Amino acid sequence: MTIATVGLAAELAAYAETHGPVTLGLVGAGQMGTDLAVQCALMPGVRLGAICAGTSARVEAAMAMAGLAWSGAATARDIDRVIEAGRTAYCPDFRELAASGRVQVVIDATGNPNTGTEIALEAFRNGKHLVMLNVEADITIGRYLKREAARAGVVYTGAAGDEPAATLELIGLAQALGFDVVAAGKGKNNALKFDAMPAEFEEEAARRNMNARVLVEFVDGSKTMVEMTAIANATGLKPDVPGMHGPAATLDNLAQVLCAKEDGGILSKPGCVDYTIGKGVAPGVFAIVRPRHPRVLERVTDLKVGPGPCYTLCRPFHLTSLEVPLSAIKAVMRGMPDMQPVDYPVAECAAVAKRDLIPGDTLGKIGETDYRGFAMTWEDGRAAQALPLGLAEKAKVTRPIAKGEKLTYANCVPEESFLVTRLRRELDAADARFLPGAAA
C-alpha cells in the first residue's frame, strides 16, 4: 500500500529533489549523538555530513549502529571531500566542521555550557544555522547567542523533541486559539531525589546505556529545572515559587491543581512554569489553558477535555533526539526556529549545594556530587547573587556552603578561562536596565 507523503515530509521531499538533502553537522557522540546519527540515516531528504567527538571510538560505534560509511577528516576541505563521496566525515575539531562548505546546519549535543557557547559562535562565524540540543548552554547565554545568530543572518533554535520545544507547540496552539495560558511544563520521568549521587546509579545507568552523571542530572531534578527555565525564557512564563511546586498531580486533575488559587489551584497567579511528579503525565508535556468565553468553555468540556474552567492540553510523548533533525530541516528550508529566548530576562536556573562545600573546593560537572539546578525568577536570582548553573563547573568555593544552600557570587568564583563566563558577565551587565527603577 502506498501512503501519500504529507506535511513537513512532503516539503522536505520537494526541497531535496531540487537542492539535495539537508546536510547536518553533529557535535557530540554520546547517547543523544548516537541517537541522532541513527535517526539521520533513516530519514529521507536528510544526511549526516559530519560528526565531531572527542574520541574516534565513540564515532565508530555510532556509525556502526547507524549503518553509515565514514572516513576521518582533519580539515574543512577534507570534510567536504568525504561528504561529496557519499560518506560521513569524522573530524575531532568542531571548528573545522563548522567551516565545512557542505554542512548547512550544526547540532550541538554536548550538554556542556562553555563548549556549547564556543560551538554556536563558531557556527555563526561560518554562516551556519545552530540547533541547540544543549539546553544547559541556552539557559546560560541563549539571548546572547540569539542576537549573534541574527547578526550573522542564520537561525539559532532550541531542539524539537526536547520537552521545552514540545511544550511550546502546545503553548502556541493555545495562543492561536485565543486561550489564556495558565501554566505549562512537564511530567517528571525519573524518581526525584535531590541529593542523588552518580555512585548510586551506576547499575541503572549501565542498564540504560547511559552515563551515570547524565542519569543523575535527571534524577536530582537539575534537568527539570533547566528545562522549565528554558520554557520560561522562551515565553515569559515564570516559576511561581523558587524551585517551583512540583505537585503529585495526575493527568486527570492537573488542570485543577496547576491553576490559580481563584480557580481552586495552587498557583498564586496565572502564567507559570512548573512540573508534576504525579502519574500519567510523564513522559509528556502540558499546557494548562483557560478559554475566555462561556460558549468555548461549554464546547471544550463537551469534548471531554476536562471539567473546566481550566483544561489540560497534553502531548503525551516527546521523542528527544529523534525529533531534533526536524529543527535543522526547518532552519534550512524555512529560516525559522522552533524555540528561541525572548529579548528580556525571565528566569534563572541557580545552583544549590548537594553536600557541604568548603573553601578551596573546585566544583565538578552538572549531575555529579557538588550541586544541582534550582529554577527561580530572574529577579530573585539577581537579588540573591545566585550563580547560574551553567557557570558552576570548575567554579572555586571561597566560603563555606551548607548542603541545600545556593551557590552565589559571594561564595563562589566561576572559571574565568571559560568564554561562557565572560559573555554571561556582559549579559548580566546589560540586564541591569531591567531592574526596578532603572532608567528607561
Protein backbone atom coordinates (compact mmCIF):
# COMPACT_ATOMS: atom_id res chain seq x y z
CA MET A 1 0.00 0.00 0.00
CA THR A 2 1.33 3.47 -0.91
CA ILE A 3 0.73 6.29 1.54
CA ALA A 4 0.97 9.83 0.22
CA THR A 5 3.76 11.94 1.69
CA VAL A 6 2.22 14.88 3.54
CA GLY A 7 3.11 17.91 5.65
CA LEU A 8 6.73 18.56 6.51
CA ALA A 9 7.79 15.28 4.90
CA ALA A 10 6.33 16.40 1.56
CA GLU A 11 8.01 19.80 1.89
CA LEU A 12 11.33 18.12 2.64
CA ALA A 13 10.99 15.75 -0.31
CA ALA A 14 10.39 18.67 -2.66
CA TYR A 15 13.37 20.55 -1.21
CA ALA A 16 15.69 17.55 -1.52
CA GLU A 17 14.64 16.93 -5.12
CA THR A 18 15.70 20.47 -6.04
CA HIS A 19 18.59 21.15 -3.66
CA GLY A 20 19.75 17.75 -2.44
CA PRO A 21 19.44 16.50 1.13
CA VAL A 22 19.70 18.81 4.14
CA THR A 23 23.23 18.20 5.39
CA LEU A 24 23.85 18.20 9.13
CA GLY A 25 27.00 18.57 11.19
CA LEU A 26 26.77 16.99 14.64
CA VAL A 27 28.95 17.76 17.65
CA GLY A 28 28.75 15.03 20.28
CA ALA A 29 28.58 11.23 20.05
CA GLY A 30 27.15 10.29 23.42
CA GLN A 31 23.68 8.85 23.91
CA MET A 32 21.95 11.76 22.15
CA GLY A 33 24.55 11.99 19.40
CA THR A 34 24.30 8.28 18.67
CA ASP A 35 20.51 8.51 18.52
CA LEU A 36 20.82 11.41 16.09
CA ALA A 37 23.22 9.51 13.84
CA VAL A 38 20.85 6.56 13.63
CA GLN A 39 17.84 8.80 13.06
CA CYS A 40 19.52 10.77 10.26
CA ALA A 41 20.27 7.52 8.46
CA LEU A 42 16.55 6.67 8.46
CA MET A 43 15.16 10.00 7.27
CA PRO A 44 14.70 10.67 3.55
CA GLY A 45 15.97 14.08 2.48
CA VAL A 46 18.47 14.32 5.37
CA ARG A 47 22.08 13.23 5.67
CA LEU A 48 24.63 13.35 8.45
CA GLY A 49 27.52 15.02 6.68
CA ALA A 50 29.99 15.28 9.56
CA ILE A 51 30.34 14.34 13.20
CA CYS A 52 32.71 15.67 15.82
CA ALA A 53 33.58 13.90 19.07
CA GLY A 54 36.50 13.63 21.44
CA THR A 55 37.36 10.05 20.50
CA SER A 56 37.02 8.09 17.28
CA ALA A 57 35.85 5.04 19.25
CA ARG A 58 32.51 6.70 20.05
CA VAL A 59 32.09 7.78 16.45
CA GLU A 60 32.92 4.30 15.19
CA ALA A 61 30.27 2.80 17.48
CA ALA A 62 27.67 5.38 16.44
CA MET A 63 28.40 4.94 12.73
CA ALA A 64 28.23 1.15 13.02
CA MET A 65 24.88 1.36 14.75
CA ALA A 66 23.57 3.79 12.13
CA GLY A 67 24.96 1.76 9.24
CA LEU A 68 26.77 4.81 7.87
CA ALA A 69 30.07 4.67 5.97
CA TRP A 70 32.54 7.16 7.40
CA SER A 71 36.06 8.48 6.98
CA GLY A 72 38.35 10.61 9.08
CA ALA A 73 38.86 14.24 8.06
CA ALA A 74 41.30 16.74 9.53
CA THR A 75 40.20 19.94 7.79
CA ALA A 76 37.05 21.57 6.43
CA ARG A 77 38.20 20.78 2.90
CA ASP A 78 38.67 17.13 3.87
CA ILE A 79 35.15 17.09 5.31
CA ASP A 80 33.75 18.41 2.04
CA ARG A 81 35.54 15.71 0.06
CA VAL A 82 34.20 12.95 2.31
CA ILE A 83 30.64 14.30 2.06
CA GLU A 84 30.93 14.58 -1.73
CA ALA A 85 31.98 10.93 -1.79
CA GLY A 86 28.71 10.00 -0.04
CA ARG A 87 30.21 9.24 3.36
CA THR A 88 30.06 10.83 6.82
CA ALA A 89 33.17 12.70 7.90
CA TYR A 90 34.63 12.32 11.37
CA CYS A 91 36.60 15.39 12.49
CA PRO A 92 37.80 15.89 16.07
CA ASP A 93 37.76 19.71 15.72
CA PHE A 94 34.31 21.35 15.71
CA ARG A 95 35.85 24.48 14.19
CA GLU A 96 36.70 22.56 11.03
CA LEU A 97 33.22 21.01 11.00
CA ALA A 98 31.63 24.47 11.22
CA ALA A 99 33.85 25.71 8.38
CA SER A 100 32.83 22.91 6.01
CA GLY A 101 31.14 24.27 2.91
CA ARG A 102 28.88 21.23 2.62
CA VAL A 103 27.47 21.37 6.18
CA GLN A 104 24.36 23.57 6.32
CA VAL A 105 23.39 23.35 9.97
CA VAL A 106 25.25 22.41 13.15
CA ILE A 107 23.68 20.49 16.04
CA ASP A 108 25.24 20.80 19.50
CA ALA A 109 24.62 17.64 21.52
CA THR A 110 27.42 18.12 24.06
CA GLY A 111 25.45 19.27 27.12
CA ASN A 112 28.35 21.48 28.23
CA PRO A 113 27.57 25.22 28.57
CA ASN A 114 31.04 26.51 27.71
CA THR A 115 31.59 24.10 24.83
CA GLY A 116 28.11 24.89 23.53
CA THR A 117 28.87 28.61 23.54
CA GLU A 118 32.06 28.07 21.56
CA ILE A 119 30.33 25.77 19.05
CA ALA A 120 27.48 28.21 18.49
CA LEU A 121 29.71 31.21 17.85
CA GLU A 122 31.92 29.21 15.50
CA ALA A 123 28.83 28.10 13.56
CA PHE A 124 27.62 31.69 13.25
CA ARG A 125 31.03 32.91 12.10
CA ASN A 126 30.81 30.39 9.27
CA GLY A 127 27.23 31.23 8.31
CA LYS A 128 25.73 28.03 9.72
CA HIS A 129 22.38 27.60 11.48
CA LEU A 130 22.66 26.17 15.00
CA VAL A 131 20.31 23.68 16.68
CA MET A 132 20.95 23.87 20.43
CA LEU A 133 20.12 20.50 21.97
CA ASN A 134 22.41 21.70 24.76
CA VAL A 135 19.72 23.31 26.96
CA GLU A 136 22.29 24.00 29.68
CA ALA A 137 24.04 26.44 27.34
CA ASP A 138 20.77 28.01 26.19
CA ILE A 139 19.60 28.94 29.70
CA THR A 140 23.00 30.46 30.47
CA ILE A 141 23.71 32.53 27.37
CA GLY A 142 20.79 31.93 24.98
CA ARG A 143 19.78 35.57 24.47
CA TYR A 144 23.35 36.45 23.54
CA LEU A 145 23.52 33.58 21.06
CA LYS A 146 20.18 34.54 19.53
CA ARG A 147 21.47 38.05 18.96
CA GLU A 148 24.73 36.84 17.39
CA ALA A 149 22.84 34.47 15.10
CA ALA A 150 20.64 37.32 13.89
CA ARG A 151 23.74 39.41 13.18
CA ALA A 152 25.13 36.54 11.10
CA GLY A 153 21.83 36.07 9.25
CA VAL A 154 21.35 32.50 10.47
CA VAL A 155 18.90 30.66 12.75
CA TYR A 156 19.52 29.85 16.41
CA THR A 157 16.93 27.39 17.70
CA GLY A 158 16.14 25.02 20.51
CA ALA A 159 15.67 21.41 19.53
CA ALA A 160 12.41 19.75 18.55
CA GLY A 161 11.64 16.67 20.61
CA ASP A 162 13.12 18.00 23.82
CA GLU A 163 10.49 18.92 26.42
CA PRO A 164 10.85 22.71 26.10
CA ALA A 165 10.16 22.82 22.34
CA ALA A 166 7.41 20.20 22.68
CA THR A 167 5.76 22.35 25.36
CA LEU A 168 5.98 25.40 23.12
CA GLU A 169 3.95 23.53 20.48
CA LEU A 170 1.07 23.37 22.95
CA ILE A 171 1.52 26.96 24.11
CA GLY A 172 1.47 28.14 20.50
CA LEU A 173 -1.69 26.13 19.81
CA ALA A 174 -3.42 27.62 22.87
CA GLN A 175 -2.41 31.16 21.93
CA ALA A 176 -3.54 30.70 18.34
CA LEU A 177 -6.97 29.64 19.66
CA GLY A 178 -7.17 32.68 21.94
CA PHE A 179 -6.93 30.68 25.18
CA ASP A 180 -5.18 32.11 28.23
CA VAL A 181 -2.12 30.05 29.16
CA VAL A 182 -2.28 29.46 32.91
CA ALA A 183 0.73 27.15 33.27
CA ALA A 184 2.98 24.90 31.23
CA GLY A 185 5.55 22.24 31.93
CA LYS A 186 6.27 18.54 32.00
CA GLY A 187 5.76 15.34 33.86
CA LYS A 188 8.99 14.24 35.52
CA ASN A 189 10.23 10.98 34.04
CA ASN A 190 12.53 9.73 36.79
CA ALA A 191 12.13 9.37 40.53
CA LEU A 192 13.06 12.68 42.21
CA LYS A 193 15.98 12.54 44.66
CA PHE A 194 17.55 15.95 45.20
CA ASP A 195 20.78 14.61 46.71
CA ALA A 196 21.28 11.78 44.19
CA MET A 197 24.92 10.84 43.53
CA PRO A 198 26.35 9.03 40.48
CA ALA A 199 27.71 6.12 42.54
CA GLU A 200 24.13 5.17 43.47
CA PHE A 201 23.06 4.92 39.83
CA GLU A 202 25.94 3.14 38.08
CA GLU A 203 23.96 -0.09 37.68
CA GLU A 204 20.83 1.62 36.33
CA ALA A 205 22.89 3.80 34.01
CA ALA A 206 24.67 0.75 32.58
CA ARG A 207 21.32 -0.98 32.07
CA ARG A 208 20.02 2.03 30.16
CA ASN A 209 23.26 2.56 28.21
CA MET A 210 23.76 5.94 29.88
CA ASN A 211 26.49 7.79 31.70
CA ALA A 212 25.68 7.76 35.45
CA ARG A 213 26.37 11.51 35.71
CA VAL A 214 23.88 12.21 32.92
CA LEU A 215 21.28 10.00 34.59
CA VAL A 216 21.76 11.80 37.91
CA GLU A 217 21.22 15.16 36.20
CA PHE A 218 17.68 13.88 35.60
CA VAL A 219 17.17 12.21 38.97
CA ASP A 220 18.34 15.13 41.15
CA GLY A 221 15.93 17.46 39.37
CA SER A 222 18.57 19.54 37.57
CA LYS A 223 17.30 18.67 34.10
CA THR A 224 13.73 19.52 35.02
CA MET A 225 14.84 22.87 36.45
CA VAL A 226 16.91 23.56 33.32
CA GLU A 227 14.02 22.70 31.01
CA MET A 228 11.46 24.77 32.90
CA THR A 229 13.89 27.72 32.89
CA ALA A 230 14.22 27.32 29.11
CA ILE A 231 10.41 27.37 28.68
CA ALA A 232 10.20 30.45 30.90
CA ASN A 233 12.90 32.25 28.95
CA ALA A 234 11.18 31.47 25.64
CA THR A 235 7.69 32.60 26.74
CA GLY A 236 7.70 34.91 29.75
CA LEU A 237 6.01 32.31 31.96
CA LYS A 238 7.70 32.28 35.38
CA PRO A 239 8.31 29.92 38.31
CA ASP A 240 5.57 30.71 40.83
CA VAL A 241 7.87 29.98 43.77
CA PRO A 242 11.61 29.25 43.93
CA GLY A 243 12.13 25.63 42.90
CA MET A 244 8.52 25.51 41.62
CA HIS A 245 5.75 23.49 43.25
CA GLY A 246 6.22 20.07 41.61
CA PRO A 247 2.92 18.61 42.87
CA ALA A 248 1.90 14.96 42.57
CA ALA A 249 -0.87 15.91 40.15
CA THR A 250 -2.11 13.29 37.69
CA LEU A 251 -3.28 13.84 34.15
CA ASP A 252 -6.88 13.70 35.42
CA ASN A 253 -6.54 16.53 37.95
CA LEU A 254 -3.57 18.51 36.62
CA ALA A 255 -5.68 21.45 35.39
CA GLN A 256 -7.39 21.69 38.78
CA VAL A 257 -4.04 21.71 40.65
CA LEU A 258 -1.71 23.81 38.47
CA CYS A 259 -4.12 26.71 38.11
CA ALA A 260 -4.57 29.96 40.01
CA LYS A 261 -5.95 29.91 43.56
CA GLU A 262 -9.03 31.77 42.36
CA ASP A 263 -9.83 28.67 40.27
CA GLY A 264 -9.08 26.25 43.11
CA GLY A 265 -5.42 25.58 42.32
CA ILE A 266 -2.06 26.17 44.00
CA LEU A 267 -0.61 28.96 41.83
CA SER A 268 -0.54 32.49 43.22
CA LYS A 269 -1.28 33.78 39.70
CA PRO A 270 -1.65 32.53 36.13
CA GLY A 271 1.35 32.49 33.81
CA CYS A 272 3.71 29.96 35.43
CA VAL A 273 6.05 27.12 34.55
CA ASP A 274 6.01 24.03 36.73
CA TYR A 275 6.24 20.24 36.69
CA THR A 276 4.40 17.31 38.19
CA ILE A 277 5.63 14.07 39.75
CA GLY A 278 2.14 12.53 39.56
CA LYS A 279 1.26 9.54 37.40
CA GLY A 280 0.04 9.68 33.83
CA VAL A 281 1.78 12.84 32.63
CA ALA A 282 5.38 11.75 32.04
CA PRO A 283 6.93 11.36 29.53
CA GLY A 284 4.61 14.04 28.19
CA VAL A 285 4.36 17.82 28.42
CA PHE A 286 1.36 20.03 29.10
CA ALA A 287 -0.18 23.46 28.89
CA ILE A 288 -2.97 24.42 31.28
CA VAL A 289 -5.35 26.75 29.45
CA ARG A 290 -8.45 28.78 30.23
CA PRO A 291 -10.86 29.70 27.44
CA ARG A 292 -12.29 33.23 27.64
CA HIS A 293 -15.90 32.72 26.52
CA PRO A 294 -18.68 30.63 28.14
CA ARG A 295 -19.56 29.04 24.78
CA VAL A 296 -15.97 27.87 24.30
CA LEU A 297 -15.86 26.59 27.89
CA GLU A 298 -19.02 24.61 27.16
CA ARG A 299 -17.58 23.15 23.98
CA VAL A 300 -14.21 22.16 25.46
CA THR A 301 -16.00 20.45 28.36
CA ASP A 302 -18.37 18.73 25.95
CA LEU A 303 -15.35 17.42 24.03
CA LYS A 304 -14.21 15.73 27.26
CA VAL A 305 -11.00 17.71 27.68
CA GLY A 306 -11.88 18.21 31.34
CA PRO A 307 -14.42 19.76 33.73
CA GLY A 308 -13.07 23.33 33.46
CA PRO A 309 -12.73 26.18 33.90
CA CYS A 310 -9.10 25.26 33.21
CA TYR A 311 -8.11 22.42 30.90
CA THR A 312 -5.01 20.34 30.21
CA LEU A 313 -3.63 20.22 26.69
CA CYS A 314 -1.19 17.32 26.75
CA ARG A 315 1.38 15.97 24.34
CA PRO A 316 1.83 12.51 25.84
CA PHE A 317 5.29 11.94 24.39
CA HIS A 318 8.50 13.66 23.40
CA LEU A 319 10.96 11.87 21.16
CA THR A 320 14.07 13.73 22.35
CA SER A 321 16.96 13.28 19.93
CA LEU A 322 14.81 11.51 17.32
CA GLU A 323 12.94 14.74 16.54
CA VAL A 324 15.96 17.05 16.62
CA PRO A 325 16.63 16.83 12.84
CA LEU A 326 13.22 18.44 12.30
CA SER A 327 14.55 21.68 13.80
CA ALA A 328 17.56 21.50 11.48
CA ILE A 329 15.28 20.95 8.49
CA LYS A 330 13.07 23.92 9.34
CA ALA A 331 16.07 26.17 9.92
CA VAL A 332 17.45 25.34 6.46
CA MET A 333 14.19 25.24 4.48
CA ARG A 334 12.15 27.93 6.21
CA GLY A 335 14.71 30.00 8.10
CA MET A 336 12.54 29.51 11.19
CA PRO A 337 13.36 28.46 14.77
CA ASP A 338 11.30 26.04 16.83
CA MET A 339 12.27 27.84 20.01
CA GLN A 340 14.23 30.96 20.99
CA PRO A 341 14.55 33.01 24.18
CA VAL A 342 12.66 36.28 24.38
CA ASP A 343 14.66 39.51 24.42
CA TYR A 344 14.46 40.12 28.17
CA PRO A 345 15.41 38.05 31.25
CA VAL A 346 12.67 35.89 32.76
CA ALA A 347 14.02 33.00 34.84
CA GLU A 348 17.28 31.75 36.26
CA CYS A 349 18.48 28.24 36.99
CA ALA A 350 20.72 28.66 40.00
CA ALA A 351 22.98 26.04 41.57
CA VAL A 352 22.27 24.59 45.03
CA ALA A 353 24.78 22.56 47.07
CA LYS A 354 24.12 18.79 47.22
CA ARG A 355 26.62 18.42 50.05
CA ASP A 356 28.57 20.68 52.39
CA LEU A 357 31.21 22.55 50.38
CA ILE A 358 34.35 24.10 51.83
CA PRO A 359 36.66 26.90 50.67
CA GLY A 360 39.12 25.63 48.09
CA ASP A 361 36.74 23.08 46.56
CA THR A 362 36.70 23.07 42.77
CA LEU A 363 33.25 22.10 41.56
CA GLY A 364 32.57 19.26 39.16
CA LYS A 365 30.01 18.91 36.39
CA ILE A 366 26.22 19.06 36.48
CA GLY A 367 24.93 15.70 37.73
CA GLU A 368 27.96 14.92 39.86
CA THR A 369 28.31 15.26 43.64
CA ASP A 370 28.53 19.00 44.28
CA TYR A 371 25.37 20.84 43.20
CA ARG A 372 22.01 20.64 41.44
CA GLY A 373 19.80 23.02 39.49
CA PHE A 374 17.15 25.24 41.08
CA ALA A 375 14.72 27.32 38.99
CA MET A 376 13.62 30.76 40.12
CA THR A 377 12.63 34.09 38.65
CA TRP A 378 15.42 36.22 37.21
CA GLU A 379 14.63 38.95 39.75
CA ASP A 380 15.01 36.52 42.66
CA GLY A 381 18.22 35.14 41.22
CA ARG A 382 19.66 38.60 40.74
CA ALA A 383 18.73 39.66 44.29
CA ALA A 384 20.39 36.55 45.72
CA GLN A 385 23.51 36.95 43.53
CA ALA A 386 22.82 33.37 42.54
CA LEU A 387 25.48 31.60 40.50
CA PRO A 388 23.87 30.30 37.28
CA LEU A 389 24.00 26.52 36.96
CA GLY A 390 25.81 26.89 33.64
CA LEU A 391 28.75 28.65 35.35
CA ALA A 392 29.19 26.19 38.22
CA GLU A 393 31.58 23.73 36.58
CA LYS A 394 35.16 24.39 37.76
CA ALA A 395 33.98 27.26 39.98
CA LYS A 396 36.07 27.74 43.13
CA VAL A 397 34.37 27.79 46.55
CA THR A 398 35.51 30.78 48.60
CA ARG A 399 33.26 30.48 51.68
CA PRO A 400 31.62 27.51 53.44
CA ILE A 401 28.36 26.46 51.74
CA ALA A 402 25.94 24.18 53.57
CA LYS A 403 24.03 21.43 51.81
CA GLY A 404 20.86 22.97 50.38
CA GLU A 405 22.32 26.48 50.24
CA LYS A 406 22.56 28.41 46.98
CA LEU A 407 25.87 28.92 45.27
CA THR A 408 26.36 32.67 44.81
CA TYR A 409 28.95 35.10 43.50
CA ALA A 410 29.69 35.81 47.18
CA ASN A 411 30.70 32.21 48.00
CA CYS A 412 31.99 31.00 44.61
CA VAL A 413 34.13 32.31 41.78
CA PRO A 414 33.31 30.99 38.31
CA GLU A 415 36.06 29.77 35.98
CA GLU A 416 37.47 32.87 34.28
CA SER A 417 39.05 30.98 31.38
CA PHE A 418 35.61 29.93 30.11
CA LEU A 419 34.14 32.01 27.31
CA VAL A 420 30.65 31.47 28.71
CA THR A 421 31.71 33.13 31.99
CA ARG A 422 32.87 36.28 30.25
CA LEU A 423 29.87 36.53 27.94
CA ARG A 424 27.42 35.91 30.78
CA ARG A 425 29.07 38.77 32.69
CA GLU A 426 28.45 41.05 29.70
CA LEU A 427 24.84 39.90 29.52
CA ASP A 428 24.33 40.47 33.25
CA ALA A 429 25.74 44.00 32.99
CA ALA A 430 23.42 44.83 30.10
CA ASP A 431 20.46 43.35 32.01
CA ALA A 432 20.80 45.97 34.74
CA ARG A 433 18.38 48.05 32.65
CA PHE A 434 15.61 45.57 33.51
CA LEU A 435 15.95 46.11 37.27
CA PRO A 436 13.18 48.06 39.05
CA GLY A 437 13.94 51.76 39.00
CA ALA A 438 16.49 51.51 36.19
CA ALA A 439 16.46 54.33 33.66
CA ALA A 440 14.48 53.53 30.54
